[in-house]
Amino acid sequence: MPESENHLDNLRLELRRGIVVLAVLSQMDTARYGYSLIQQLAAQGLEVEEGTLYPLLRRLEKQGLLESEWEVGEARPRKYYKISPQGRAVLATLTADWLETVEVMRKLLQGENHG
């Protein structure tokens, strides 16, 4: 891969990194296990790899933004995650911040703020 493509991939990765938390929190009203969340996000156009998602789920749980419980009735035990009350508050704040940022960036990229 040429160096310029590699650099572009890295920039895209930086852009995506921050939105994955918001995307995950937005999908957690229903209890989900990791693989089902990967499928849900992919169905809506956001590809997230297992190596990214599982550590993120554990981190969000440790931060108190997600709650989890093990479901052992199936062939394999699965850990299901659901948004916590604290996670809901954080999601509301991050959503407002995101929408404001999108509006600012729209103006910047469309040249409305060029003085």
Protein backbone atom coordinates (compact mmCIF):
# COMPACT_ATOMS: atom_id res chain seq x y z
CA MET A 1 0.00 0.00 0.00
CA PRO A 2 1.44 3.38 -0.94
CA GLU A 3 2.37 5.61 1.97
CA SER A 4 -0.33 8.18 1.14
CA GLU A 5 -3.07 5.49 1.30
CA ASN A 6 -1.70 4.25 4.62
CA HIS A 7 -1.74 7.81 5.95
CA LEU A 8 -5.33 8.28 4.76
CA ASP A 9 -6.36 5.01 6.45
CA ASN A 10 -4.82 6.24 9.70
CA LEU A 11 -6.72 9.54 9.46
CA ARG A 12 -9.97 7.68 8.83
CA LEU A 13 -9.27 5.47 11.83
CA GLU A 14 -8.79 8.55 14.01
CA LEU A 15 -12.13 9.96 12.83
CA ARG A 16 -13.93 6.69 13.57
CA ARG A 17 -12.35 6.04 16.96
CA GLY A 18 -14.43 8.62 18.80
CA ILE A 19 -17.74 7.73 17.22
CA VAL A 20 -17.64 4.04 18.13
CA VAL A 21 -18.41 4.80 21.80
CA LEU A 22 -21.41 6.91 20.80
CA ALA A 23 -22.57 4.27 18.30
CA VAL A 24 -22.31 1.46 20.85
CA LEU A 25 -24.12 3.36 23.60
CA SER A 26 -26.89 4.29 21.14
CA GLN A 27 -27.63 0.60 20.49
CA MET A 28 -27.72 -0.66 24.06
CA ASP A 29 -31.34 -0.07 25.12
CA THR A 30 -31.84 -3.75 24.38
CA ALA A 31 -29.46 -6.16 26.10
CA ARG A 32 -26.99 -7.48 23.54
CA TYR A 33 -23.97 -9.73 23.47
CA GLY A 34 -20.91 -8.66 21.54
CA TYR A 35 -21.41 -10.53 18.29
CA SER A 36 -25.05 -9.44 17.98
CA LEU A 37 -23.93 -5.84 18.50
CA ILE A 38 -21.31 -6.20 15.76
CA GLN A 39 -24.06 -7.46 13.42
CA GLN A 40 -26.45 -4.65 14.45
CA LEU A 41 -23.84 -1.95 13.82
CA ALA A 42 -22.79 -3.51 10.50
CA ALA A 43 -26.42 -3.68 9.34
CA GLN A 44 -26.58 0.09 9.85
CA GLY A 45 -23.32 0.73 8.00
CA LEU A 46 -20.73 0.82 10.80
CA GLU A 47 -18.22 -2.02 10.68
CA VAL A 48 -16.57 -2.67 14.06
CA GLU A 49 -14.11 -5.48 14.59
CA GLU A 50 -14.26 -7.87 17.53
CA GLY A 51 -10.82 -6.73 18.66
CA THR A 52 -12.18 -3.21 18.98
CA LEU A 53 -15.62 -3.97 20.39
CA TYR A 54 -14.95 -6.41 23.22
CA PRO A 55 -12.35 -4.27 25.01
CA LEU A 56 -14.66 -1.27 24.54
CA LEU A 57 -17.60 -3.11 26.11
CA ARG A 58 -15.47 -4.06 29.12
CA ARG A 59 -14.19 -0.48 29.47
CA LEU A 60 -17.69 1.02 29.27
CA GLU A 61 -18.87 -1.46 31.89
CA LYS A 62 -15.94 -0.60 34.16
CA GLN A 63 -16.82 3.10 33.75
CA GLY A 64 -20.39 2.36 34.82
CA LEU A 65 -21.94 3.19 31.44
CA LEU A 66 -23.02 -0.40 30.73
CA GLU A 67 -24.34 -3.16 32.95
CA SER A 68 -23.92 -6.83 32.16
CA GLU A 69 -25.17 -10.25 33.08
CA TRP A 70 -24.29 -13.74 31.95
CA GLU A 71 -26.87 -15.83 30.10
CA VAL A 72 -26.00 -19.47 30.68
CA GLY A 73 -29.13 -21.15 29.26
CA GLU A 74 -27.70 -21.50 25.76
CA ALA A 75 -25.02 -23.83 24.40
CA ARG A 76 -22.35 -21.26 25.23
CA PRO A 77 -22.61 -18.77 28.07
CA ARG A 78 -22.91 -15.22 26.76
CA LYS A 79 -22.38 -11.93 28.49
CA TYR A 80 -25.17 -9.50 27.68
CA TYR A 81 -24.64 -5.76 28.04
CA LYS A 82 -27.25 -3.05 28.49
CA ILE A 83 -26.94 0.70 28.99
CA SER A 84 -27.02 1.85 32.62
CA PRO A 85 -28.80 4.95 33.95
CA GLN A 86 -25.41 6.72 34.04
CA GLY A 87 -24.80 5.53 30.47
CA ARG A 88 -28.12 7.06 29.38
CA ALA A 89 -27.09 10.43 30.81
CA VAL A 90 -23.71 10.23 29.09
CA LEU A 91 -25.37 9.18 25.83
CA ALA A 92 -27.68 12.21 25.97
CA THR A 93 -24.73 14.55 26.52
CA LEU A 94 -22.56 12.94 23.85
CA THR A 95 -25.47 12.98 21.38
CA ALA A 96 -26.00 16.71 21.90
CA ASP A 97 -22.25 17.33 21.57
CA TRP A 98 -22.12 15.20 18.40
CA LEU A 99 -25.04 16.99 16.75
CA GLU A 100 -23.50 20.38 17.57
CA THR A 101 -20.13 19.26 16.20
CA VAL A 102 -21.72 17.95 13.00
CA GLU A 103 -23.43 21.31 12.48
CA VAL A 104 -20.19 23.24 13.07
CA MET A 105 -18.29 20.96 10.71
CA ARG A 106 -21.01 21.27 8.05
CA LYS A 107 -20.60 25.05 8.19
CA LEU A 108 -16.81 24.83 8.10
CA LEU A 109 -16.70 22.35 5.24
CA GLN A 110 -19.29 24.24 3.20
CA GLY A 111 -17.45 27.50 3.70
CA GLU A 112 -20.04 29.40 5.73
CA ASN A 113 -17.48 30.59 8.28
CA HIS A 114 -14.79 31.81 5.89
CA GLY A 115 -14.18 35.41 6.85
